[in-house]
Amino acid sequence: MSKHYDALVGRFKKLGHLQHAQTFLSWDQQVMMPNGGNAARSEALSELAGMGHELLTSPELSDWFASAEEEALTADQQVSLFEMRRQWQQAETASYRKNKQQPITGQWQPSQDAMDILCKQGAININFIEDAIPEFILYWRGTGEASSTWDSKFVQHVRRQWQFFNGMMNQDKSPQIITGSWQPNESVYDVLRMANIERDFAERLIPEFVLYWQENGSAQCSWSTKFLQYVKRQWARHSQPQTTGNNYGKQQGSDSAGRIRDRSIIDALSDRSWAS
């Protein structure tokens, strides 16, 4: 007796009928559909697809397959059972992945595993990683995409930027005082492009950045990396509604004597070890 095998055959026969109907209706939609009928036909096709998905992923199928394995089946039936199980497992895997996919939130943080990959295996400075989080969230929230692999995307995002950042560090060796005509290395804009930060936004920040460090009088080995850090922090502040009051890239950050007086600018220009 093959009770559960027969139940599976009956279920997959229904699925075959639904798929046949979908194929015919889809062809008819593309070739014969009169004007004005597309919306209703698309809705019908979506409904049929949903019905098929429910039939193929319903909870009882797991028990049916397990019981059918114990039944006395012919060689042909075993082949048929194998194929039905394969289709069911594919649908279950796709359904599981879809259910795990979530849009990124404003509070998202990389997992400890992702941090270990970047910090321990990649030897990437933790401050550099933390500074990459706001821009990562901002970009992906803007796309509205849902994913189950945010950690993997973030690891790739940081690694690419770190590679360019190290290239900038290797170009600058001896400490120098910033000059009034200073401009960032072109590779800064390459990194910012990876972070989906607009070049125009960064260029507007140059005057206040130069002014602050001229007043500070410190010498740095890499002003480009210092500027990169500043732009990222200002971009994160500018892009969040509660902190959009910052006067980024404008001379309102200076008083009549040209001195920096905006505390948000001073805070954003404070040291981070990765940019030193």
C-alpha atoms as a PDB file:
ATOM      1  CA  MET A   1       0.000   0.000   0.000  1.00  0.00           C
ATOM      2  CA  SER A   2       1.315   3.474  -0.900  1.00  0.00           C
ATOM      3  CA  LYS A   3      -1.080   5.856   0.809  1.00  0.00           C
ATOM      4  CA  HIS A   4       1.314   8.767   1.288  1.00  0.00           C
ATOM      5  CA  TYR A   5       2.965   8.331  -2.084  1.00  0.00           C
ATOM      6  CA  ASP A   6      -0.489   8.466  -3.708  1.00  0.00           C
ATOM      7  CA  ALA A   7      -1.289  11.641  -1.735  1.00  0.00           C
ATOM      8  CA  LEU A   8       1.903  13.227  -3.036  1.00  0.00           C
ATOM      9  CA  VAL A   9       1.069  12.232  -6.610  1.00  0.00           C
ATOM     10  CA  GLY A  10      -2.369  13.791  -6.214  1.00  0.00           C
ATOM     11  CA  ARG A  11      -0.846  16.999  -4.825  1.00  0.00           C
ATOM     12  CA  PHE A  12       1.696  17.315  -7.630  1.00  0.00           C
ATOM     13  CA  LYS A  13      -1.017  16.594 -10.202  1.00  0.00           C
ATOM     14  CA  LYS A  14      -2.897  19.656  -8.896  1.00  0.00           C
ATOM     15  CA  LEU A  15       0.313  21.649  -9.127  1.00  0.00           C
ATOM     16  CA  GLY A  16       0.725  20.522 -12.730  1.00  0.00           C
ATOM     17  CA  HIS A  17      -2.781  21.711 -13.557  1.00  0.00           C
ATOM     18  CA  LEU A  18      -2.119  25.105 -11.993  1.00  0.00           C
ATOM     19  CA  GLN A  19       1.178  25.464 -13.850  1.00  0.00           C
ATOM     20  CA  HIS A  20      -0.534  24.509 -17.126  1.00  0.00           C
ATOM     21  CA  ALA A  21      -3.166  27.189 -16.551  1.00  0.00           C
ATOM     22  CA  GLN A  22      -0.478  29.758 -15.713  1.00  0.00           C
ATOM     23  CA  THR A  23       1.461  28.939 -18.884  1.00  0.00           C
ATOM     24  CA  PHE A  24      -1.613  29.277 -21.112  1.00  0.00           C
ATOM     25  CA  LEU A  25      -2.856  32.473 -19.461  1.00  0.00           C
ATOM     26  CA  SER A  26       0.606  34.026 -19.592  1.00  0.00           C
ATOM     27  CA  TRP A  27       0.937  33.220 -23.310  1.00  0.00           C
ATOM     28  CA  ASP A  28      -2.556  34.593 -23.963  1.00  0.00           C
ATOM     29  CA  GLN A  29      -1.682  37.773 -22.052  1.00  0.00           C
ATOM     30  CA  GLN A  30       1.381  38.376 -24.221  1.00  0.00           C
ATOM     31  CA  VAL A  31      -0.215  37.481 -27.581  1.00  0.00           C
ATOM     32  CA  MET A  32      -3.999  37.881 -27.495  1.00  0.00           C
ATOM     33  CA  MET A  33      -4.842  40.152 -24.551  1.00  0.00           C
ATOM     34  CA  PRO A  34      -7.149  43.051 -25.506  1.00  0.00           C
ATOM     35  CA  ASN A  35      -6.429  46.573 -24.280  1.00  0.00           C
ATOM     36  CA  GLY A  36      -7.362  47.102 -20.647  1.00  0.00           C
ATOM     37  CA  GLY A  37      -7.175  43.461 -19.652  1.00  0.00           C
ATOM     38  CA  ASN A  38      -3.597  43.274 -18.394  1.00  0.00           C
ATOM     39  CA  ALA A  39      -4.302  44.315 -14.813  1.00  0.00           C
ATOM     40  CA  ALA A  40      -6.958  41.655 -14.220  1.00  0.00           C
ATOM     41  CA  ARG A  41      -4.902  38.967 -15.956  1.00  0.00           C
ATOM     42  CA  SER A  42      -1.791  39.803 -13.920  1.00  0.00           C
ATOM     43  CA  GLU A  43      -3.840  39.605 -10.731  1.00  0.00           C
ATOM     44  CA  ALA A  44      -5.197  36.207 -11.770  1.00  0.00           C
ATOM     45  CA  LEU A  45      -1.709  34.897 -12.566  1.00  0.00           C
ATOM     46  CA  SER A  46      -0.442  36.145  -9.214  1.00  0.00           C
ATOM     47  CA  GLU A  47      -3.303  34.363  -7.455  1.00  0.00           C
ATOM     48  CA  LEU A  48      -2.520  31.099  -9.260  1.00  0.00           C
ATOM     49  CA  ALA A  49       1.176  31.416  -8.364  1.00  0.00           C
ATOM     50  CA  GLY A  50       0.240  31.930  -4.717  1.00  0.00           C
ATOM     51  CA  MET A  51      -2.007  28.874  -4.736  1.00  0.00           C
ATOM     52  CA  GLY A  52       0.769  26.773  -6.243  1.00  0.00           C
ATOM     53  CA  HIS A  53       3.273  27.977  -3.671  1.00  0.00           C
ATOM     54  CA  GLU A  54       0.909  27.087  -0.814  1.00  0.00           C
ATOM     55  CA  LEU A  55       0.317  23.610  -2.216  1.00  0.00           C
ATOM     56  CA  LEU A  56       4.056  22.998  -2.566  1.00  0.00           C
ATOM     57  CA  THR A  57       5.104  24.324   0.839  1.00  0.00           C
ATOM     58  CA  SER A  58       2.243  23.222   3.088  1.00  0.00           C
ATOM     59  CA  PRO A  59       3.422  21.633   6.377  1.00  0.00           C
ATOM     60  CA  GLU A  60       1.958  18.152   5.800  1.00  0.00           C
ATOM     61  CA  LEU A  61       4.257  17.470   2.850  1.00  0.00           C
ATOM     62  CA  SER A  62       7.211  16.864   5.161  1.00  0.00           C
ATOM     63  CA  ASP A  63       5.365  14.011   6.889  1.00  0.00           C
ATOM     64  CA  TRP A  64       4.086  12.650   3.596  1.00  0.00           C
ATOM     65  CA  PHE A  65       7.595  12.413   2.156  1.00  0.00           C
ATOM     66  CA  ALA A  66       8.937  10.760   5.321  1.00  0.00           C
ATOM     67  CA  SER A  67       6.129   8.182   5.308  1.00  0.00           C
ATOM     68  CA  ALA A  68       6.370   7.570   1.561  1.00  0.00           C
ATOM     69  CA  GLU A  69      10.035   6.637   2.009  1.00  0.00           C
ATOM     70  CA  GLU A  70       8.892   3.696   4.160  1.00  0.00           C
ATOM     71  CA  GLU A  71       6.317   2.437   1.695  1.00  0.00           C
ATOM     72  CA  ALA A  72       6.910  -0.421  -0.743  1.00  0.00           C
ATOM     73  CA  LEU A  73       7.354   1.408  -4.033  1.00  0.00           C
ATOM     74  CA  THR A  74       8.280   0.237  -7.483  1.00  0.00           C
ATOM     75  CA  ALA A  75      11.464   1.501  -9.151  1.00  0.00           C
ATOM     76  CA  ASP A  76       9.438   3.962 -11.233  1.00  0.00           C
ATOM     77  CA  GLN A  77       7.615   5.217  -8.161  1.00  0.00           C
ATOM     78  CA  GLN A  78      10.912   5.751  -6.350  1.00  0.00           C
ATOM     79  CA  VAL A  79      12.173   7.843  -9.258  1.00  0.00           C
ATOM     80  CA  SER A  80       8.942   9.839  -9.195  1.00  0.00           C
ATOM     81  CA  LEU A  81       9.217  10.301  -5.406  1.00  0.00           C
ATOM     82  CA  PHE A  82      12.789  11.546  -5.794  1.00  0.00           C
ATOM     83  CA  GLU A  83      11.729  14.161  -8.355  1.00  0.00           C
ATOM     84  CA  MET A  84       8.766  15.320  -6.244  1.00  0.00           C
ATOM     85  CA  ARG A  85      11.039  15.649  -3.204  1.00  0.00           C
ATOM     86  CA  ARG A  86      13.547  17.652  -5.238  1.00  0.00           C
ATOM     87  CA  GLN A  87      10.892  20.157  -6.324  1.00  0.00           C
ATOM     88  CA  TRP A  88       9.546  20.402  -2.776  1.00  0.00           C
ATOM     89  CA  GLN A  89      12.995  21.015  -1.278  1.00  0.00           C
ATOM     90  CA  GLN A  90      13.711  23.763  -3.829  1.00  0.00           C
ATOM     91  CA  ALA A  91      10.433  25.491  -2.944  1.00  0.00           C
ATOM     92  CA  GLU A  92      11.115  25.149   0.789  1.00  0.00           C
ATOM     93  CA  THR A  93      14.594  26.630   0.422  1.00  0.00           C
ATOM     94  CA  ALA A  94      13.298  29.567  -1.637  1.00  0.00           C
ATOM     95  CA  SER A  95      10.486  30.147   0.875  1.00  0.00           C
ATOM     96  CA  TYR A  96      12.923  30.057   3.813  1.00  0.00           C
ATOM     97  CA  ARG A  97      15.232  32.561   2.162  1.00  0.00           C
ATOM     98  CA  LYS A  98      12.365  34.881   1.328  1.00  0.00           C
ATOM     99  CA  ASN A  99      11.051  34.762   4.890  1.00  0.00           C
ATOM    100  CA  LYS A 100      14.507  35.644   6.254  1.00  0.00           C
ATOM    101  CA  GLN A 101      14.874  38.661   4.003  1.00  0.00           C
ATOM    102  CA  GLN A 102      14.327  41.930   5.849  1.00  0.00           C
ATOM    103  CA  PRO A 103      14.884  45.578   4.927  1.00  0.00           C
ATOM    104  CA  ILE A 104      17.737  47.202   6.821  1.00  0.00           C
ATOM    105  CA  THR A 105      16.753  49.388   9.781  1.00  0.00           C
ATOM    106  CA  GLY A 106      18.262  52.566  11.162  1.00  0.00           C
ATOM    107  CA  GLN A 107      19.427  50.603  14.203  1.00  0.00           C
ATOM    108  CA  TRP A 108      21.170  47.858  12.228  1.00  0.00           C
ATOM    109  CA  GLN A 109      24.594  46.772  13.460  1.00  0.00           C
ATOM    110  CA  PRO A 110      26.976  44.172  11.999  1.00  0.00           C
ATOM    111  CA  SER A 111      27.073  40.879  13.864  1.00  0.00           C
ATOM    112  CA  GLN A 112      30.007  39.838  16.012  1.00  0.00           C
ATOM    113  CA  ASP A 113      30.979  37.319  13.315  1.00  0.00           C
ATOM    114  CA  ALA A 114      31.170  40.109  10.728  1.00  0.00           C
ATOM    115  CA  MET A 115      33.241  42.251  13.099  1.00  0.00           C
ATOM    116  CA  ASP A 116      35.618  39.347  13.732  1.00  0.00           C
ATOM    117  CA  ILE A 117      36.080  38.811   9.993  1.00  0.00           C
ATOM    118  CA  LEU A 118      36.938  42.480   9.496  1.00  0.00           C
ATOM    119  CA  CYS A 119      38.926  43.145  12.675  1.00  0.00           C
ATOM    120  CA  LYS A 120      40.703  39.862  13.385  1.00  0.00           C
ATOM    121  CA  GLN A 121      41.032  38.317   9.958  1.00  0.00           C
ATOM    122  CA  GLY A 122      41.169  41.523   7.912  1.00  0.00           C
ATOM    123  CA  ALA A 123      43.143  43.592  10.467  1.00  0.00           C
ATOM    124  CA  ILE A 124      40.850  46.557   9.790  1.00  0.00           C
ATOM    125  CA  ASN A 125      40.686  49.256  12.451  1.00  0.00           C
ATOM    126  CA  ILE A 126      37.428  49.108  14.409  1.00  0.00           C
ATOM    127  CA  ASN A 127      36.900  52.879  14.191  1.00  0.00           C
ATOM    128  CA  PHE A 128      37.121  52.666  10.404  1.00  0.00           C
ATOM    129  CA  ILE A 129      34.450  49.943  10.475  1.00  0.00           C
ATOM    130  CA  GLU A 130      32.159  51.911  12.785  1.00  0.00           C
ATOM    131  CA  ASP A 131      32.448  54.995  10.596  1.00  0.00           C
ATOM    132  CA  ALA A 132      31.243  52.938   7.610  1.00  0.00           C
ATOM    133  CA  ILE A 133      27.990  51.830   9.291  1.00  0.00           C
ATOM    134  CA  PRO A 134      25.875  55.023   8.847  1.00  0.00           C
ATOM    135  CA  GLU A 135      26.602  55.367   5.132  1.00  0.00           C
ATOM    136  CA  PHE A 136      25.904  51.649   4.611  1.00  0.00           C
ATOM    137  CA  ILE A 137      22.521  51.923   6.334  1.00  0.00           C
ATOM    138  CA  LEU A 138      21.646  55.130   4.499  1.00  0.00           C
ATOM    139  CA  TYR A 139      22.338  53.661   1.065  1.00  0.00           C
ATOM    140  CA  TRP A 140      20.450  50.412   1.554  1.00  0.00           C
ATOM    141  CA  ARG A 141      17.481  52.060   3.262  1.00  0.00           C
ATOM    142  CA  GLY A 142      17.284  54.299   0.224  1.00  0.00           C
ATOM    143  CA  THR A 143      17.016  51.327  -2.128  1.00  0.00           C
ATOM    144  CA  GLY A 144      14.263  49.677  -0.066  1.00  0.00           C
ATOM    145  CA  GLU A 145      15.851  46.293  -0.749  1.00  0.00           C
ATOM    146  CA  ALA A 146      15.251  43.355   1.582  1.00  0.00           C
ATOM    147  CA  SER A 147      18.069  40.919   2.216  1.00  0.00           C
ATOM    148  CA  SER A 148      19.113  38.054   4.449  1.00  0.00           C
ATOM    149  CA  THR A 149      22.816  38.787   3.913  1.00  0.00           C
ATOM    150  CA  TRP A 150      23.378  42.273   5.327  1.00  0.00           C
ATOM    151  CA  ASP A 151      26.519  41.119   7.141  1.00  0.00           C
ATOM    152  CA  SER A 152      28.092  39.816   3.936  1.00  0.00           C
ATOM    153  CA  LYS A 153      27.239  43.018   2.072  1.00  0.00           C
ATOM    154  CA  PHE A 154      28.769  45.083   4.876  1.00  0.00           C
ATOM    155  CA  VAL A 155      31.976  43.034   4.976  1.00  0.00           C
ATOM    156  CA  GLN A 156      32.415  43.552   1.228  1.00  0.00           C
ATOM    157  CA  HIS A 157      31.613  47.260   1.569  1.00  0.00           C
ATOM    158  CA  VAL A 158      34.268  47.831   4.258  1.00  0.00           C
ATOM    159  CA  ARG A 159      36.949  45.687   2.609  1.00  0.00           C
ATOM    160  CA  ARG A 160      36.756  47.637  -0.645  1.00  0.00           C
ATOM    161  CA  GLN A 161      37.083  50.959   1.141  1.00  0.00           C
ATOM    162  CA  TRP A 162      39.910  49.742   3.371  1.00  0.00           C
ATOM    163  CA  GLN A 163      41.932  48.708   0.342  1.00  0.00           C
ATOM    164  CA  PHE A 164      41.733  52.219  -1.114  1.00  0.00           C
ATOM    165  CA  PHE A 165      42.319  53.792   2.277  1.00  0.00           C
ATOM    166  CA  ASN A 166      45.555  51.864   2.739  1.00  0.00           C
ATOM    167  CA  GLY A 167      46.664  53.066  -0.682  1.00  0.00           C
ATOM    168  CA  MET A 168      46.210  56.661   0.461  1.00  0.00           C
ATOM    169  CA  MET A 169      48.136  56.016   3.682  1.00  0.00           C
ATOM    170  CA  ASN A 170      51.042  54.562   1.728  1.00  0.00           C
ATOM    171  CA  GLN A 171      51.261  57.680  -0.450  1.00  0.00           C
ATOM    172  CA  ASP A 172      51.699  60.047   2.531  1.00  0.00           C
ATOM    173  CA  LYS A 173      54.743  59.533   4.740  1.00  0.00           C
ATOM    174  CA  SER A 174      56.019  62.694   6.442  1.00  0.00           C
ATOM    175  CA  PRO A 175      53.827  64.938   8.677  1.00  0.00           C
ATOM    176  CA  GLN A 176      52.935  68.289   7.139  1.00  0.00           C
ATOM    177  CA  ILE A 177      50.918  71.356   8.147  1.00  0.00           C
ATOM    178  CA  ILE A 178      47.878  71.936   5.956  1.00  0.00           C
ATOM    179  CA  THR A 179      47.982  74.851   3.510  1.00  0.00           C
ATOM    180  CA  GLY A 180      45.184  77.157   2.425  1.00  0.00           C
ATOM    181  CA  SER A 181      45.264  75.685  -1.082  1.00  0.00           C
ATOM    182  CA  TRP A 182      45.085  72.054   0.081  1.00  0.00           C
ATOM    183  CA  GLN A 183      42.917  69.644  -1.923  1.00  0.00           C
ATOM    184  CA  PRO A 184      42.188  65.973  -1.134  1.00  0.00           C
ATOM    185  CA  ASN A 185      43.770  63.164  -3.103  1.00  0.00           C
ATOM    186  CA  GLU A 186      41.556  61.982  -5.974  1.00  0.00           C
ATOM    187  CA  SER A 187      41.413  58.528  -4.348  1.00  0.00           C
ATOM    188  CA  VAL A 188      39.352  60.101  -1.534  1.00  0.00           C
ATOM    189  CA  TYR A 189      36.537  60.530  -4.028  1.00  0.00           C
ATOM    190  CA  ASP A 190      36.953  56.907  -5.131  1.00  0.00           C
ATOM    191  CA  VAL A 191      36.328  55.770  -1.552  1.00  0.00           C
ATOM    192  CA  LEU A 192      33.414  58.164  -1.138  1.00  0.00           C
ATOM    193  CA  ARG A 193      31.885  56.899  -4.357  1.00  0.00           C
ATOM    194  CA  MET A 194      31.998  53.357  -2.921  1.00  0.00           C
ATOM    195  CA  ALA A 195      30.213  54.732   0.136  1.00  0.00           C
ATOM    196  CA  ASN A 196      27.602  56.405  -2.121  1.00  0.00           C
ATOM    197  CA  ILE A 197      28.570  59.849  -0.816  1.00  0.00           C
ATOM    198  CA  GLU A 198      28.261  62.639  -3.356  1.00  0.00           C
ATOM    199  CA  ARG A 199      31.440  64.362  -4.513  1.00  0.00           C
ATOM    200  CA  ASP A 200      29.752  67.751  -4.406  1.00  0.00           C
ATOM    201  CA  PHE A 201      28.941  67.219  -0.724  1.00  0.00           C
ATOM    202  CA  ALA A 202      32.596  66.478   0.046  1.00  0.00           C
ATOM    203  CA  GLU A 203      33.913  69.439  -1.941  1.00  0.00           C
ATOM    204  CA  ARG A 204      31.692  71.824   0.021  1.00  0.00           C
ATOM    205  CA  LEU A 205      33.364  70.686   3.230  1.00  0.00           C
ATOM    206  CA  ILE A 206      36.926  71.531   2.143  1.00  0.00           C
ATOM    207  CA  PRO A 207      36.977  75.223   3.263  1.00  0.00           C
ATOM    208  CA  GLU A 208      35.857  74.561   6.847  1.00  0.00           C
ATOM    209  CA  PHE A 209      38.137  71.510   7.090  1.00  0.00           C
ATOM    210  CA  VAL A 210      41.172  73.538   5.984  1.00  0.00           C
ATOM    211  CA  LEU A 211      40.248  76.451   8.249  1.00  0.00           C
ATOM    212  CA  TYR A 212      39.940  74.243  11.320  1.00  0.00           C
ATOM    213  CA  TRP A 213      43.296  72.540  10.825  1.00  0.00           C
ATOM    214  CA  GLN A 214      45.071  75.788   9.982  1.00  0.00           C
ATOM    215  CA  GLU A 215      43.854  77.164  13.296  1.00  0.00           C
ATOM    216  CA  ASN A 216      44.767  73.922  15.050  1.00  0.00           C
ATOM    217  CA  GLY A 217      48.293  73.990  13.647  1.00  0.00           C
ATOM    218  CA  SER A 218      48.807  70.202  13.858  1.00  0.00           C
ATOM    219  CA  ALA A 219      50.884  68.338  11.304  1.00  0.00           C
ATOM    220  CA  GLN A 220      49.503  65.126   9.807  1.00  0.00           C
ATOM    221  CA  CYS A 221      50.939  62.402   7.625  1.00  0.00           C
ATOM    222  CA  SER A 222      47.746  62.086   5.596  1.00  0.00           C
ATOM    223  CA  TRP A 223      45.358  64.989   5.312  1.00  0.00           C
ATOM    224  CA  SER A 224      43.369  63.014   2.737  1.00  0.00           C
ATOM    225  CA  THR A 225      42.504  60.283   5.218  1.00  0.00           C
ATOM    226  CA  LYS A 226      41.685  62.916   7.824  1.00  0.00           C
ATOM    227  CA  PHE A 227      39.328  64.560   5.351  1.00  0.00           C
ATOM    228  CA  LEU A 228      37.766  61.231   4.425  1.00  0.00           C
ATOM    229  CA  GLN A 229      36.891  60.619   8.067  1.00  0.00           C
ATOM    230  CA  TYR A 230      35.382  64.092   8.393  1.00  0.00           C
ATOM    231  CA  VAL A 231      33.239  63.754   5.283  1.00  0.00           C
ATOM    232  CA  LYS A 232      31.859  60.402   6.393  1.00  0.00           C
ATOM    233  CA  ARG A 233      30.856  61.711   9.807  1.00  0.00           C
ATOM    234  CA  GLN A 234      29.261  64.845   8.362  1.00  0.00           C
ATOM    235  CA  TRP A 235      27.403  62.763   5.763  1.00  0.00           C
ATOM    236  CA  ALA A 236      25.976  60.551   8.514  1.00  0.00           C
ATOM    237  CA  ARG A 237      24.839  63.626  10.480  1.00  0.00           C
ATOM    238  CA  HIS A 238      23.446  65.401   7.446  1.00  0.00           C
ATOM    239  CA  SER A 239      21.464  62.338   6.347  1.00  0.00           C
ATOM    240  CA  GLN A 240      19.630  61.822   9.652  1.00  0.00           C
ATOM    241  CA  PRO A 241      16.578  64.043  10.229  1.00  0.00           C
ATOM    242  CA  GLN A 242      17.366  64.770  13.878  1.00  0.00           C
ATOM    243  CA  THR A 243      20.801  66.133  13.030  1.00  0.00           C
ATOM    244  CA  THR A 244      20.258  67.877   9.721  1.00  0.00           C
ATOM    245  CA  GLY A 245      20.774  71.248  11.329  1.00  0.00           C
ATOM    246  CA  ASN A 246      24.520  71.080  10.634  1.00  0.00           C
ATOM    247  CA  ASN A 247      25.716  73.756   8.223  1.00  0.00           C
ATOM    248  CA  TYR A 248      27.786  71.392   6.134  1.00  0.00           C
ATOM    249  CA  GLY A 249      30.063  72.890   3.569  1.00  0.00           C
ATOM    250  CA  LYS A 250      28.982  76.474   4.314  1.00  0.00           C
ATOM    251  CA  GLN A 251      30.808  79.415   5.755  1.00  0.00           C
ATOM    252  CA  GLN A 252      28.176  79.792   8.488  1.00  0.00           C
ATOM    253  CA  GLY A 253      30.520  77.605  10.502  1.00  0.00           C
ATOM    254  CA  SER A 254      32.900  80.577  10.850  1.00  0.00           C
ATOM    255  CA  ASP A 255      32.564  83.929  12.559  1.00  0.00           C
ATOM    256  CA  SER A 256      33.483  87.275  11.016  1.00  0.00           C
ATOM    257  CA  ALA A 257      37.141  86.647  11.818  1.00  0.00           C
ATOM    258  CA  GLY A 258      37.029  83.360   9.961  1.00  0.00           C
ATOM    259  CA  ARG A 259      37.277  81.213  13.090  1.00  0.00           C
ATOM    260  CA  ILE A 260      35.382  77.968  13.523  1.00  0.00           C
ATOM    261  CA  ARG A 261      32.541  78.390  16.034  1.00  0.00           C
ATOM    262  CA  ASP A 262      30.144  75.503  15.179  1.00  0.00           C
ATOM    263  CA  ARG A 263      30.505  72.815  17.864  1.00  0.00           C
ATOM    264  CA  SER A 264      29.180  70.107  15.523  1.00  0.00           C
ATOM    265  CA  ILE A 265      32.000  70.864  13.096  1.00  0.00           C
ATOM    266  CA  ILE A 266      34.607  70.810  15.852  1.00  0.00           C
ATOM    267  CA  ASP A 267      33.240  67.514  17.171  1.00  0.00           C
ATOM    268  CA  ALA A 268      33.246  65.969  13.713  1.00  0.00           C
ATOM    269  CA  LEU A 269      36.837  67.023  13.178  1.00  0.00           C
ATOM    270  CA  SER A 270      38.017  65.271  16.337  1.00  0.00           C
ATOM    271  CA  ASP A 271      40.540  62.459  16.025  1.00  0.00           C
ATOM    272  CA  ARG A 272      39.779  58.870  15.117  1.00  0.00           C
ATOM    273  CA  SER A 273      42.749  56.532  15.364  1.00  0.00           C
ATOM    274  CA  TRP A 274      42.329  55.062  11.896  1.00  0.00           C
ATOM    275  CA  ALA A 275      42.716  58.486  10.288  1.00  0.00           C
ATOM    276  CA  SER A 276      45.749  59.581  12.309  1.00  0.00           C
END
